[in-house]
Each structure stands twice: as C-alpha cells, then as structure tokens.
Amino acid sequence: MAVISLFGIELTRYRIMRDIGRMAFPIFAFLLTEGFVHTSDRRRYGERLLAFALISEIPWNLLHAGTIFYFESHNVFFTLFMGYLGLCLLERLKDEDAPAARLAAGGLIALFVVAVVGNADYGPRGFGLVLVLYLLRGQPAPRAVLGSCVLNTPLFVSLAYLPIGMYNGQRGFVKGPVIKLLFYAIYPVHMLVLYYVRLRTLGY
C-alpha cells in the first residue's frame, strides 16, 4: 500500500485510523466535565462511570490480550472515573476549611500516582486532561492549546477541539436513562465486535 507523507509524518492506513480513534478521548473528557457540572446527582454519576469501567474490562482484555484476565492495562472508563474523583477533589479545594482543602490536595496527588502506576488508558495525561478541561471551561482557545499539550496529541488529533469549541452549552438529544445507558454501552460493545472480527479473520 502506498504511504502518504505529510509534514514528515507517514500516514499509513493504521496511523490514520488510530488518530481518528484518539480524537474520541478529548471529547469523552470534555463530556465528563460537562456531565459533572450539570448532573443532578454527582454520586450516581460517579457510580455509573465505575460500573461501566468494570463492565468494559473483560471486552478490553479480550481485545488487547485475547483473554479474560489481563492486568497490564485497563480501559478508558477507569481513567474517566479517576478524572471524576479529581473533579470532586477540585471542588473541595474551594472549601474555606483549610484542613479539608489540604486533604483534597493530598487526594489529587494520590490520584495522580494511581494514574501513573494503574496503567489505565491514557494514564496520568488523561487524568490531567480532565482537570484542565474543567478548569478552563468557557475558554476555548487556552483549553485547546493546553489540552493538546497535556495529552501530547498529534496535530490531527487536536481537531477534536473544533466540535468541543462549537458546544453551545445546551443539552443535546440524549435524554432519558435508557438512551443514556445505550451511549455508555457503545464502548464495551464496540470492543466485543472488534474482538469478534479479529477472531473470525485472524483466529486469535
């Protein structure tokens, strides 16, 4: 297959498809921050993220290792859940109670360490991106620049900030618990589909 070169980067079919896939994470992280701000029940929101992190682990393991048990990496919902916990702690930093604020700061450091050693998808960069997008809400240009730097994304992946910047602050068409859960389910289901396709075509 012919390889196209752009600005010194070889654009193979694999590279193009991978970069398109990577555009999803900044959007996921942005939607997490908006969901955190607008949800009527933050505890339930966090529980839902954790539940889908656990549900998605077996599809993740099958896709990446062909086995149910695999501990070298973990799915992106764990990164989003850690980001959610980080947002909760950021809120506590605003607390006028100094001991509570210090405890929250210590919690953020602990979460960063967990993100480093926990091997969740995107790791500490993904965790940091969630915090950056939250702190720079309403500032599209700084959010895009700093977000791209934190995640260290290729220029093509930074195009994800274009639809993010077009967000008008209004709720979209996803309404009701059933439709919401279906959108959450896309992540583990798509990994199962990819695993099945690979199994049928490559045999593993």
N, C-alpha and C. Protein backbone atom coordinates (compact mmCIF):
# COMPACT_ATOMS: atom_id res chain seq x y z
N MET A 1 0.84 -1.20 0.00
CA MET A 1 0.00 0.00 0.00
C MET A 1 0.88 1.25 0.00
N ALA A 2 0.54 2.24 -0.80
CA ALA A 2 1.30 3.48 -0.87
C ALA A 2 1.18 4.24 0.45
N VAL A 3 2.31 4.83 0.87
CA VAL A 3 2.34 5.58 2.12
C VAL A 3 2.41 7.06 1.80
N ILE A 4 1.49 7.83 2.33
CA ILE A 4 1.47 9.28 2.14
C ILE A 4 2.26 9.93 3.27
N SER A 5 3.08 10.90 2.94
CA SER A 5 3.86 11.62 3.94
C SER A 5 3.37 13.05 4.03
N LEU A 6 3.09 13.51 5.25
CA LEU A 6 2.60 14.87 5.47
C LEU A 6 3.37 15.47 6.64
N PHE A 7 4.11 16.57 6.36
CA PHE A 7 4.95 17.23 7.36
C PHE A 7 5.90 16.23 8.03
N GLY A 8 6.40 15.30 7.24
CA GLY A 8 7.35 14.34 7.76
C GLY A 8 6.73 13.16 8.49
N ILE A 9 5.38 13.08 8.53
CA ILE A 9 4.68 12.00 9.22
C ILE A 9 4.13 11.04 8.17
N GLU A 10 4.46 9.78 8.31
CA GLU A 10 3.96 8.78 7.38
C GLU A 10 2.52 8.42 7.73
N LEU A 11 1.60 8.73 6.82
CA LEU A 11 0.18 8.50 7.07
C LEU A 11 -0.24 7.15 6.50
N THR A 12 0.09 6.10 7.23
CA THR A 12 -0.38 4.77 6.85
C THR A 12 -1.85 4.64 7.20
N ARG A 13 -2.48 3.62 6.65
CA ARG A 13 -3.89 3.40 6.98
C ARG A 13 -4.08 3.19 8.47
N TYR A 14 -3.13 2.46 9.09
CA TYR A 14 -3.20 2.22 10.53
C TYR A 14 -3.09 3.54 11.30
N ARG A 15 -2.15 4.41 10.89
CA ARG A 15 -1.94 5.67 11.58
C ARG A 15 -3.18 6.56 11.49
N ILE A 16 -3.79 6.60 10.30
CA ILE A 16 -4.97 7.44 10.11
C ILE A 16 -6.12 6.95 11.00
N MET A 17 -6.38 5.63 10.98
CA MET A 17 -7.48 5.09 11.78
C MET A 17 -7.21 5.26 13.27
N ARG A 18 -5.95 5.10 13.68
CA ARG A 18 -5.61 5.25 15.10
C ARG A 18 -5.82 6.69 15.56
N ASP A 19 -5.38 7.65 14.73
CA ASP A 19 -5.53 9.05 15.12
C ASP A 19 -7.00 9.47 15.16
N ILE A 20 -7.80 8.94 14.24
CA ILE A 20 -9.24 9.23 14.29
C ILE A 20 -9.82 8.70 15.59
N GLY A 21 -9.40 7.50 15.98
CA GLY A 21 -9.88 6.93 17.25
C GLY A 21 -9.44 7.76 18.44
N ARG A 22 -8.21 8.28 18.38
CA ARG A 22 -7.70 9.07 19.51
C ARG A 22 -8.43 10.40 19.67
N MET A 23 -9.09 10.86 18.61
CA MET A 23 -9.86 12.10 18.74
C MET A 23 -11.01 11.95 19.73
N ALA A 24 -11.39 10.69 19.99
CA ALA A 24 -12.54 10.47 20.86
C ALA A 24 -12.24 10.84 22.31
N PHE A 25 -10.99 10.61 22.77
CA PHE A 25 -10.75 10.82 24.21
C PHE A 25 -10.92 12.26 24.66
N PRO A 26 -10.36 13.27 23.96
CA PRO A 26 -10.63 14.65 24.40
C PRO A 26 -12.13 14.96 24.47
N ILE A 27 -12.90 14.38 23.55
CA ILE A 27 -14.35 14.60 23.57
C ILE A 27 -14.97 13.90 24.77
N PHE A 28 -14.53 12.67 25.06
CA PHE A 28 -15.01 11.96 26.26
C PHE A 28 -14.71 12.78 27.52
N ALA A 29 -13.47 13.29 27.59
CA ALA A 29 -13.05 14.04 28.77
C ALA A 29 -13.88 15.32 28.92
N PHE A 30 -14.13 15.98 27.80
CA PHE A 30 -14.95 17.19 27.83
C PHE A 30 -16.37 16.89 28.29
N LEU A 31 -16.96 15.81 27.74
CA LEU A 31 -18.32 15.45 28.13
C LEU A 31 -18.39 15.06 29.60
N LEU A 32 -17.31 14.47 30.11
CA LEU A 32 -17.27 14.14 31.54
C LEU A 32 -17.36 15.40 32.39
N THR A 33 -16.59 16.44 32.01
CA THR A 33 -16.63 17.67 32.80
C THR A 33 -17.99 18.34 32.73
N GLU A 34 -18.62 18.32 31.55
CA GLU A 34 -19.94 18.92 31.42
C GLU A 34 -20.97 18.11 32.20
N GLY A 35 -20.85 16.79 32.14
CA GLY A 35 -21.77 15.95 32.90
C GLY A 35 -21.62 16.18 34.39
N PHE A 36 -20.37 16.36 34.83
CA PHE A 36 -20.12 16.62 36.25
C PHE A 36 -20.76 17.92 36.70
N VAL A 37 -20.68 18.94 35.85
CA VAL A 37 -21.24 20.25 36.20
C VAL A 37 -22.76 20.21 36.22
N HIS A 38 -23.37 19.51 35.27
CA HIS A 38 -24.81 19.61 35.07
C HIS A 38 -25.62 18.47 35.71
N THR A 39 -24.97 17.40 36.14
CA THR A 39 -25.73 16.29 36.70
C THR A 39 -26.47 16.70 37.98
N SER A 40 -27.61 16.10 38.18
CA SER A 40 -28.38 16.39 39.39
C SER A 40 -27.96 15.50 40.55
N ASP A 41 -27.16 14.48 40.27
CA ASP A 41 -26.72 13.54 41.31
C ASP A 41 -25.29 13.10 41.00
N ARG A 42 -24.32 13.81 41.59
CA ARG A 42 -22.92 13.53 41.28
C ARG A 42 -22.49 12.15 41.78
N ARG A 43 -23.03 11.71 42.89
CA ARG A 43 -22.66 10.39 43.39
C ARG A 43 -23.11 9.31 42.41
N ARG A 44 -24.32 9.44 41.93
CA ARG A 44 -24.83 8.46 40.97
C ARG A 44 -24.04 8.52 39.67
N TYR A 45 -23.64 9.69 39.29
CA TYR A 45 -22.83 9.87 38.08
C TYR A 45 -21.52 9.10 38.20
N GLY A 46 -20.87 9.24 39.35
CA GLY A 46 -19.63 8.52 39.59
C GLY A 46 -19.83 7.02 39.64
N GLU A 47 -20.91 6.58 40.25
CA GLU A 47 -21.20 5.14 40.33
C GLU A 47 -21.41 4.55 38.94
N ARG A 48 -22.03 5.32 38.06
CA ARG A 48 -22.27 4.84 36.69
C ARG A 48 -20.93 4.71 35.94
N LEU A 49 -20.03 5.66 36.13
CA LEU A 49 -18.72 5.58 35.49
C LEU A 49 -17.95 4.35 35.97
N LEU A 50 -17.98 4.12 37.28
CA LEU A 50 -17.28 2.96 37.84
C LEU A 50 -17.90 1.66 37.35
N ALA A 51 -19.22 1.61 37.28
CA ALA A 51 -19.91 0.40 36.81
C ALA A 51 -19.48 0.05 35.39
N PHE A 52 -19.41 1.06 34.51
CA PHE A 52 -19.04 0.78 33.13
C PHE A 52 -17.54 0.52 32.99
N ALA A 53 -16.74 1.03 33.93
CA ALA A 53 -15.32 0.66 33.94
C ALA A 53 -15.18 -0.83 34.21
N LEU A 54 -15.96 -1.35 35.14
CA LEU A 54 -15.91 -2.77 35.47
C LEU A 54 -16.50 -3.61 34.34
N ILE A 55 -17.61 -3.15 33.76
CA ILE A 55 -18.25 -3.88 32.66
C ILE A 55 -17.33 -3.94 31.45
N SER A 56 -16.60 -2.87 31.19
CA SER A 56 -15.76 -2.77 29.99
C SER A 56 -14.44 -3.52 30.11
N GLU A 57 -14.10 -3.97 31.31
CA GLU A 57 -12.78 -4.56 31.50
C GLU A 57 -12.61 -5.87 30.73
N ILE A 58 -13.62 -6.74 30.75
CA ILE A 58 -13.49 -8.01 30.02
C ILE A 58 -13.41 -7.77 28.51
N PRO A 59 -14.28 -6.96 27.91
CA PRO A 59 -14.09 -6.65 26.48
C PRO A 59 -12.71 -6.06 26.18
N TRP A 60 -12.22 -5.21 27.05
CA TRP A 60 -10.87 -4.63 26.88
C TRP A 60 -9.81 -5.72 26.90
N ASN A 61 -9.92 -6.62 27.88
CA ASN A 61 -8.94 -7.70 28.00
C ASN A 61 -8.97 -8.62 26.78
N LEU A 62 -10.16 -8.96 26.32
CA LEU A 62 -10.28 -9.83 25.15
C LEU A 62 -9.66 -9.17 23.92
N LEU A 63 -9.93 -7.89 23.75
CA LEU A 63 -9.44 -7.19 22.56
C LEU A 63 -7.92 -7.04 22.58
N HIS A 64 -7.36 -6.76 23.76
CA HIS A 64 -5.93 -6.45 23.83
C HIS A 64 -5.05 -7.65 24.14
N ALA A 65 -5.63 -8.69 24.72
CA ALA A 65 -4.80 -9.84 25.09
C ALA A 65 -5.42 -11.17 24.71
N GLY A 66 -6.67 -11.17 24.25
CA GLY A 66 -7.33 -12.41 23.89
C GLY A 66 -7.67 -13.29 25.07
N THR A 67 -7.72 -12.70 26.26
CA THR A 67 -8.02 -13.45 27.47
C THR A 67 -8.88 -12.61 28.41
N ILE A 68 -9.59 -13.27 29.30
CA ILE A 68 -10.46 -12.54 30.23
C ILE A 68 -9.65 -11.79 31.28
N PHE A 69 -8.55 -12.41 31.71
CA PHE A 69 -7.73 -11.81 32.77
C PHE A 69 -6.47 -11.20 32.17
N TYR A 70 -6.35 -9.89 32.34
CA TYR A 70 -5.21 -9.16 31.77
C TYR A 70 -5.02 -7.91 32.63
N PHE A 71 -3.82 -7.75 33.19
CA PHE A 71 -3.62 -6.69 34.17
C PHE A 71 -2.58 -5.65 33.75
N GLU A 72 -2.09 -5.76 32.52
CA GLU A 72 -1.06 -4.82 32.10
C GLU A 72 -1.63 -3.46 31.70
N SER A 73 -2.90 -3.40 31.36
CA SER A 73 -3.55 -2.13 31.05
C SER A 73 -5.04 -2.25 31.34
N HIS A 74 -5.69 -1.10 31.45
CA HIS A 74 -7.11 -1.09 31.80
C HIS A 74 -7.84 -0.07 30.94
N ASN A 75 -9.16 -0.26 30.82
CA ASN A 75 -9.94 0.52 29.86
C ASN A 75 -10.09 1.98 30.28
N VAL A 76 -10.51 2.78 29.32
CA VAL A 76 -10.53 4.23 29.49
C VAL A 76 -11.56 4.70 30.52
N PHE A 77 -12.56 3.89 30.81
CA PHE A 77 -13.54 4.30 31.82
C PHE A 77 -12.89 4.44 33.19
N PHE A 78 -11.82 3.69 33.46
CA PHE A 78 -11.11 3.87 34.73
C PHE A 78 -10.43 5.23 34.77
N THR A 79 -9.89 5.66 33.64
CA THR A 79 -9.29 7.00 33.56
C THR A 79 -10.35 8.07 33.79
N LEU A 80 -11.51 7.89 33.16
CA LEU A 80 -12.59 8.87 33.34
C LEU A 80 -13.10 8.87 34.77
N PHE A 81 -13.15 7.70 35.39
CA PHE A 81 -13.60 7.63 36.79
C PHE A 81 -12.60 8.35 37.70
N MET A 82 -11.31 8.17 37.45
CA MET A 82 -10.31 8.90 38.24
C MET A 82 -10.43 10.40 38.00
N GLY A 83 -10.74 10.77 36.73
CA GLY A 83 -10.97 12.18 36.45
C GLY A 83 -12.15 12.72 37.22
N TYR A 84 -13.21 11.92 37.30
CA TYR A 84 -14.39 12.31 38.09
C TYR A 84 -14.00 12.54 39.55
N LEU A 85 -13.22 11.62 40.13
CA LEU A 85 -12.79 11.78 41.52
C LEU A 85 -11.94 13.04 41.66
N GLY A 86 -11.11 13.31 40.64
CA GLY A 86 -10.30 14.52 40.67
C GLY A 86 -11.15 15.78 40.66
N LEU A 87 -12.23 15.77 39.90
CA LEU A 87 -13.13 16.92 39.87
C LEU A 87 -13.80 17.12 41.22
N CYS A 88 -14.17 16.03 41.86
CA CYS A 88 -14.76 16.13 43.21
C CYS A 88 -13.78 16.78 44.18
N LEU A 89 -12.50 16.41 44.06
CA LEU A 89 -11.49 16.98 44.94
C LEU A 89 -11.21 18.44 44.60
N LEU A 90 -11.24 18.78 43.32
CA LEU A 90 -11.08 20.19 42.95
C LEU A 90 -12.16 21.05 43.58
N GLU A 91 -13.37 20.52 43.63
CA GLU A 91 -14.46 21.25 44.26
C GLU A 91 -14.18 21.46 45.74
N ARG A 92 -13.58 20.45 46.38
CA ARG A 92 -13.26 20.57 47.81
C ARG A 92 -12.15 21.57 48.06
N LEU A 93 -11.31 21.81 47.06
CA LEU A 93 -10.25 22.80 47.24
C LEU A 93 -10.81 24.20 47.45
N LYS A 94 -12.04 24.41 47.00
CA LYS A 94 -12.68 25.71 47.19
C LYS A 94 -13.19 25.89 48.61
N ASP A 95 -13.17 24.82 49.38
CA ASP A 95 -13.68 24.84 50.74
C ASP A 95 -12.86 25.78 51.60
N GLU A 96 -13.54 26.61 52.37
CA GLU A 96 -12.84 27.55 53.24
C GLU A 96 -12.19 26.85 54.43
N ASP A 97 -12.57 25.61 54.67
CA ASP A 97 -11.97 24.84 55.75
C ASP A 97 -10.58 24.38 55.30
N ALA A 98 -9.53 24.93 55.89
CA ALA A 98 -8.16 24.64 55.46
C ALA A 98 -7.80 23.16 55.53
N PRO A 99 -8.12 22.46 56.62
CA PRO A 99 -7.79 21.02 56.66
C PRO A 99 -8.45 20.24 55.53
N ALA A 100 -9.70 20.57 55.20
CA ALA A 100 -10.40 19.88 54.12
C ALA A 100 -9.73 20.16 52.79
N ALA A 101 -9.28 21.40 52.59
CA ALA A 101 -8.60 21.76 51.34
C ALA A 101 -7.26 21.04 51.23
N ARG A 102 -6.54 20.94 52.34
CA ARG A 102 -5.26 20.22 52.31
C ARG A 102 -5.48 18.74 52.03
N LEU A 103 -6.53 18.19 52.60
CA LEU A 103 -6.86 16.78 52.36
C LEU A 103 -7.20 16.56 50.88
N ALA A 104 -7.93 17.51 50.29
CA ALA A 104 -8.28 17.41 48.87
C ALA A 104 -7.03 17.49 48.00
N ALA A 105 -6.09 18.37 48.35
CA ALA A 105 -4.84 18.49 47.59
C ALA A 105 -4.05 17.18 47.67
N GLY A 106 -4.01 16.60 48.87
CA GLY A 106 -3.33 15.31 49.01
C GLY A 106 -4.01 14.22 48.20
N GLY A 107 -5.33 14.27 48.13
CA GLY A 107 -6.08 13.30 47.34
C GLY A 107 -5.77 13.41 45.86
N LEU A 108 -5.61 14.64 45.37
CA LEU A 108 -5.27 14.84 43.96
C LEU A 108 -3.89 14.26 43.64
N ILE A 109 -2.96 14.45 44.55
CA ILE A 109 -1.62 13.88 44.34
C ILE A 109 -1.70 12.36 44.33
N ALA A 110 -2.49 11.80 45.26
CA ALA A 110 -2.65 10.35 45.32
C ALA A 110 -3.28 9.81 44.03
N LEU A 111 -4.27 10.50 43.51
CA LEU A 111 -4.90 10.08 42.27
C LEU A 111 -3.92 10.12 41.10
N PHE A 112 -3.07 11.13 41.09
CA PHE A 112 -2.07 11.22 40.02
C PHE A 112 -1.12 10.03 40.08
N VAL A 113 -0.73 9.64 41.30
CA VAL A 113 0.15 8.48 41.46
C VAL A 113 -0.55 7.22 40.98
N VAL A 114 -1.84 7.08 41.33
CA VAL A 114 -2.61 5.92 40.87
C VAL A 114 -2.69 5.91 39.35
N ALA A 115 -2.87 7.09 38.76
CA ALA A 115 -2.94 7.18 37.30
C ALA A 115 -1.61 6.75 36.66
N VAL A 116 -0.49 7.02 37.33
CA VAL A 116 0.82 6.65 36.80
C VAL A 116 1.02 5.13 36.87
N VAL A 117 0.70 4.54 38.02
CA VAL A 117 1.01 3.12 38.23
C VAL A 117 -0.14 2.19 37.85
N GLY A 118 -1.34 2.76 37.64
CA GLY A 118 -2.51 1.92 37.41
C GLY A 118 -2.68 1.42 36.00
N ASN A 119 -1.92 1.97 35.05
CA ASN A 119 -1.94 1.51 33.66
C ASN A 119 -3.31 1.62 32.99
N ALA A 120 -4.13 2.57 33.41
CA ALA A 120 -5.39 2.80 32.70
C ALA A 120 -5.09 3.54 31.39
N ASP A 121 -5.97 3.41 30.44
CA ASP A 121 -5.77 4.02 29.12
C ASP A 121 -5.54 5.53 29.26
N TYR A 122 -4.51 6.05 28.61
CA TYR A 122 -4.09 7.46 28.63
C TYR A 122 -3.44 7.87 29.95
N GLY A 123 -3.53 7.06 30.99
CA GLY A 123 -2.79 7.25 32.22
C GLY A 123 -2.87 8.64 32.83
N PRO A 124 -1.72 9.15 33.36
CA PRO A 124 -1.73 10.46 34.02
C PRO A 124 -2.06 11.60 33.07
N ARG A 125 -1.73 11.45 31.78
CA ARG A 125 -2.06 12.51 30.82
C ARG A 125 -3.58 12.63 30.66
N GLY A 126 -4.25 11.48 30.61
CA GLY A 126 -5.70 11.50 30.51
C GLY A 126 -6.34 12.10 31.74
N PHE A 127 -5.82 11.74 32.91
CA PHE A 127 -6.31 12.29 34.17
C PHE A 127 -6.10 13.80 34.20
N GLY A 128 -4.91 14.23 33.79
CA GLY A 128 -4.62 15.67 33.78
C GLY A 128 -5.49 16.43 32.80
N LEU A 129 -5.80 15.80 31.66
CA LEU A 129 -6.64 16.47 30.66
C LEU A 129 -8.03 16.78 31.22
N VAL A 130 -8.60 15.84 31.96
CA VAL A 130 -9.92 16.08 32.55
C VAL A 130 -9.88 17.31 33.45
N LEU A 131 -8.85 17.43 34.27
CA LEU A 131 -8.73 18.57 35.17
C LEU A 131 -8.56 19.87 34.40
N VAL A 132 -7.75 19.83 33.34
CA VAL A 132 -7.51 21.03 32.52
C VAL A 132 -8.81 21.50 31.85
N LEU A 133 -9.55 20.57 31.27
CA LEU A 133 -10.79 20.94 30.58
C LEU A 133 -11.81 21.52 31.56
N TYR A 134 -11.78 21.03 32.79
CA TYR A 134 -12.70 21.55 33.81
C TYR A 134 -12.28 22.96 34.24
N LEU A 135 -11.00 23.14 34.48
CA LEU A 135 -10.52 24.44 34.96
C LEU A 135 -10.62 25.52 33.90
N LEU A 136 -10.60 25.13 32.61
CA LEU A 136 -10.64 26.11 31.52
C LEU A 136 -12.00 26.11 30.81
N ARG A 137 -13.05 25.75 31.52
CA ARG A 137 -14.38 25.80 30.93
C ARG A 137 -14.68 27.24 30.49
N GLY A 138 -15.22 27.39 29.29
CA GLY A 138 -15.56 28.72 28.78
C GLY A 138 -14.37 29.45 28.17
N GLN A 139 -13.22 28.78 28.04
CA GLN A 139 -12.04 29.40 27.42
C GLN A 139 -11.55 28.48 26.30
N PRO A 140 -12.21 28.51 25.15
CA PRO A 140 -11.93 27.53 24.08
C PRO A 140 -10.49 27.49 23.61
N ALA A 141 -9.87 28.64 23.36
CA ALA A 141 -8.51 28.64 22.81
C ALA A 141 -7.48 28.10 23.80
N PRO A 142 -7.43 28.65 25.04
CA PRO A 142 -6.48 28.08 26.01
C PRO A 142 -6.76 26.61 26.30
N ARG A 143 -8.02 26.24 26.32
CA ARG A 143 -8.39 24.85 26.58
C ARG A 143 -7.84 23.93 25.50
N ALA A 144 -7.94 24.34 24.24
CA ALA A 144 -7.46 23.52 23.13
C ALA A 144 -5.94 23.42 23.15
N VAL A 145 -5.27 24.54 23.37
CA VAL A 145 -3.80 24.55 23.34
C VAL A 145 -3.23 23.74 24.50
N LEU A 146 -3.69 24.05 25.72
CA LEU A 146 -3.15 23.36 26.89
C LEU A 146 -3.58 21.89 26.91
N GLY A 147 -4.82 21.64 26.47
CA GLY A 147 -5.29 20.26 26.41
C GLY A 147 -4.46 19.42 25.46
N SER A 148 -4.11 19.98 24.31
CA SER A 148 -3.27 19.27 23.34
C SER A 148 -1.88 19.01 23.91
N CYS A 149 -1.36 19.99 24.66
CA CYS A 149 -0.02 19.82 25.25
C CYS A 149 -0.03 18.75 26.34
N VAL A 150 -1.05 18.78 27.17
CA VAL A 150 -1.13 17.80 28.27
C VAL A 150 -1.21 16.38 27.73
N LEU A 151 -2.03 16.19 26.72
CA LEU A 151 -2.20 14.85 26.15
C LEU A 151 -1.11 14.51 25.14
N ASN A 152 -0.32 15.56 24.75
CA ASN A 152 0.76 15.39 23.77
C ASN A 152 0.23 14.74 22.49
N THR A 153 -0.84 15.32 21.97
CA THR A 153 -1.51 14.73 20.81
C THR A 153 -0.93 15.26 19.51
N PRO A 154 -0.95 14.43 18.46
CA PRO A 154 -0.58 14.92 17.13
C PRO A 154 -1.56 16.01 16.69
N LEU A 155 -1.13 16.83 15.73
CA LEU A 155 -1.95 17.94 15.26
C LEU A 155 -3.32 17.47 14.80
N PHE A 156 -3.36 16.34 14.09
CA PHE A 156 -4.63 15.84 13.57
C PHE A 156 -5.62 15.54 14.71
N VAL A 157 -5.11 14.97 15.81
CA VAL A 157 -5.97 14.62 16.94
C VAL A 157 -6.52 15.88 17.62
N SER A 158 -5.76 16.98 17.55
CA SER A 158 -6.21 18.23 18.16
C SER A 158 -7.44 18.80 17.47
N LEU A 159 -7.80 18.27 16.30
CA LEU A 159 -9.03 18.70 15.64
C LEU A 159 -10.26 18.38 16.48
N ALA A 160 -10.11 17.50 17.46
CA ALA A 160 -11.22 17.19 18.35
C ALA A 160 -11.74 18.43 19.07
N TYR A 161 -10.87 19.44 19.22
CA TYR A 161 -11.29 20.64 19.94
C TYR A 161 -12.17 21.56 19.10
N LEU A 162 -12.29 21.27 17.79
CA LEU A 162 -13.21 22.05 16.97
C LEU A 162 -14.67 21.78 17.35
N PRO A 163 -15.14 20.53 17.36
CA PRO A 163 -16.52 20.30 17.82
C PRO A 163 -16.72 20.67 19.28
N ILE A 164 -15.69 20.48 20.10
CA ILE A 164 -15.79 20.88 21.51
C ILE A 164 -16.04 22.39 21.60
N GLY A 165 -15.30 23.14 20.79
CA GLY A 165 -15.46 24.60 20.81
C GLY A 165 -16.80 25.08 20.28
N MET A 166 -17.48 24.23 19.50
CA MET A 166 -18.79 24.59 18.95
C MET A 166 -19.93 24.30 19.92
N TYR A 167 -19.62 23.68 21.05
CA TYR A 167 -20.66 23.37 22.03
C TYR A 167 -21.29 24.66 22.54
N ASN A 168 -22.62 24.71 22.54
CA ASN A 168 -23.32 25.94 22.91
C ASN A 168 -23.84 25.93 24.34
N GLY A 169 -23.49 24.92 25.11
CA GLY A 169 -23.91 24.87 26.50
C GLY A 169 -25.29 24.28 26.70
N GLN A 170 -25.96 23.89 25.62
CA GLN A 170 -27.30 23.34 25.72
C GLN A 170 -27.27 21.81 25.68
N ARG A 171 -28.22 21.21 26.36
CA ARG A 171 -28.29 19.75 26.36
C ARG A 171 -28.69 19.25 24.97
N GLY A 172 -28.08 18.14 24.56
CA GLY A 172 -28.34 17.58 23.24
C GLY A 172 -29.55 16.67 23.23
N PHE A 173 -29.57 15.78 22.25
CA PHE A 173 -30.75 14.93 22.06
C PHE A 173 -30.75 13.70 22.96
N VAL A 174 -29.65 13.43 23.66
CA VAL A 174 -29.58 12.25 24.52
C VAL A 174 -30.31 12.56 25.82
N LYS A 175 -31.52 12.05 25.93
CA LYS A 175 -32.33 12.30 27.12
C LYS A 175 -32.97 10.99 27.58
N GLY A 176 -33.12 10.88 28.88
CA GLY A 176 -33.72 9.67 29.42
C GLY A 176 -32.66 8.64 29.78
N PRO A 177 -32.91 7.86 30.84
CA PRO A 177 -31.89 6.91 31.32
C PRO A 177 -31.56 5.80 30.34
N VAL A 178 -32.54 5.33 29.56
CA VAL A 178 -32.29 4.21 28.65
C VAL A 178 -31.34 4.63 27.53
N ILE A 179 -31.63 5.75 26.88
CA ILE A 179 -30.77 6.24 25.79
C ILE A 179 -29.38 6.56 26.33
N LYS A 180 -29.32 7.12 27.53
CA LYS A 180 -28.03 7.46 28.13
C LYS A 180 -27.19 6.21 28.34
N LEU A 181 -27.79 5.15 28.86
CA LEU A 181 -27.06 3.91 29.10
C LEU A 181 -26.62 3.26 27.79
N LEU A 182 -27.45 3.40 26.75
CA LEU A 182 -27.08 2.85 25.45
C LEU A 182 -25.82 3.52 24.91
N PHE A 183 -25.69 4.82 25.12
CA PHE A 183 -24.49 5.51 24.67
C PHE A 183 -23.27 5.08 25.48
N TYR A 184 -23.46 4.85 26.77
CA TYR A 184 -22.37 4.32 27.59
C TYR A 184 -21.96 2.93 27.08
N ALA A 185 -22.95 2.14 26.68
CA ALA A 185 -22.71 0.75 26.28
C ALA A 185 -21.96 0.64 24.96
N ILE A 186 -21.94 1.71 24.17
CA ILE A 186 -21.24 1.66 22.88
C ILE A 186 -19.78 1.26 23.07
N TYR A 187 -19.17 1.75 24.12
CA TYR A 187 -17.74 1.49 24.34
C TYR A 187 -17.44 0.00 24.53
N PRO A 188 -18.03 -0.69 25.52
CA PRO A 188 -17.72 -2.12 25.63
C PRO A 188 -18.22 -2.95 24.46
N VAL A 189 -19.36 -2.58 23.89
CA VAL A 189 -19.92 -3.35 22.78
C VAL A 189 -19.01 -3.26 21.55
N HIS A 190 -18.49 -2.08 21.26
CA HIS A 190 -17.65 -1.94 20.06
C HIS A 190 -16.37 -2.75 20.21
N MET A 191 -15.85 -2.89 21.44
CA MET A 191 -14.66 -3.70 21.64
C MET A 191 -14.96 -5.18 21.43
N LEU A 192 -16.13 -5.62 21.86
CA LEU A 192 -16.52 -7.01 21.62
C LEU A 192 -16.66 -7.29 20.13
N VAL A 193 -17.22 -6.34 19.41
CA VAL A 193 -17.37 -6.50 17.95
C VAL A 193 -16.00 -6.60 17.28
N LEU A 194 -15.07 -5.72 17.67
CA LEU A 194 -13.73 -5.75 17.08
C LEU A 194 -13.01 -7.06 17.42
N TYR A 195 -13.19 -7.53 18.66
CA TYR A 195 -12.58 -8.80 19.04
C TYR A 195 -13.14 -9.95 18.22
N TYR A 196 -14.45 -9.93 18.00
CA TYR A 196 -15.09 -11.00 17.21
C TYR A 196 -14.59 -10.97 15.77
N VAL A 197 -14.48 -9.78 15.19
CA VAL A 197 -13.99 -9.66 13.81
C VAL A 197 -12.56 -10.20 13.71
N ARG A 198 -11.73 -9.82 14.67
CA ARG A 198 -10.35 -10.31 14.65
C ARG A 198 -10.29 -11.82 14.82
N LEU A 199 -11.12 -12.34 15.71
CA LEU A 199 -11.16 -13.79 15.95
C LEU A 199 -11.55 -14.54 14.70
N ARG A 200 -12.53 -14.01 13.98
CA ARG A 200 -13.02 -14.68 12.76
C ARG A 200 -12.04 -14.55 11.60
N THR A 201 -11.34 -13.45 11.55
CA THR A 201 -10.45 -13.22 10.38
C THR A 201 -9.02 -13.69 10.64
N LEU A 202 -8.52 -13.51 11.87
CA LEU A 202 -7.14 -13.85 12.17
C LEU A 202 -6.99 -15.07 13.06
N GLY A 203 -8.08 -15.46 13.70
CA GLY A 203 -8.06 -16.67 14.52
C GLY A 203 -7.56 -16.50 15.93
N TYR A 204 -7.43 -15.27 16.39
CA TYR A 204 -7.00 -15.07 17.80
C TYR A 204 -7.63 -13.81 18.39
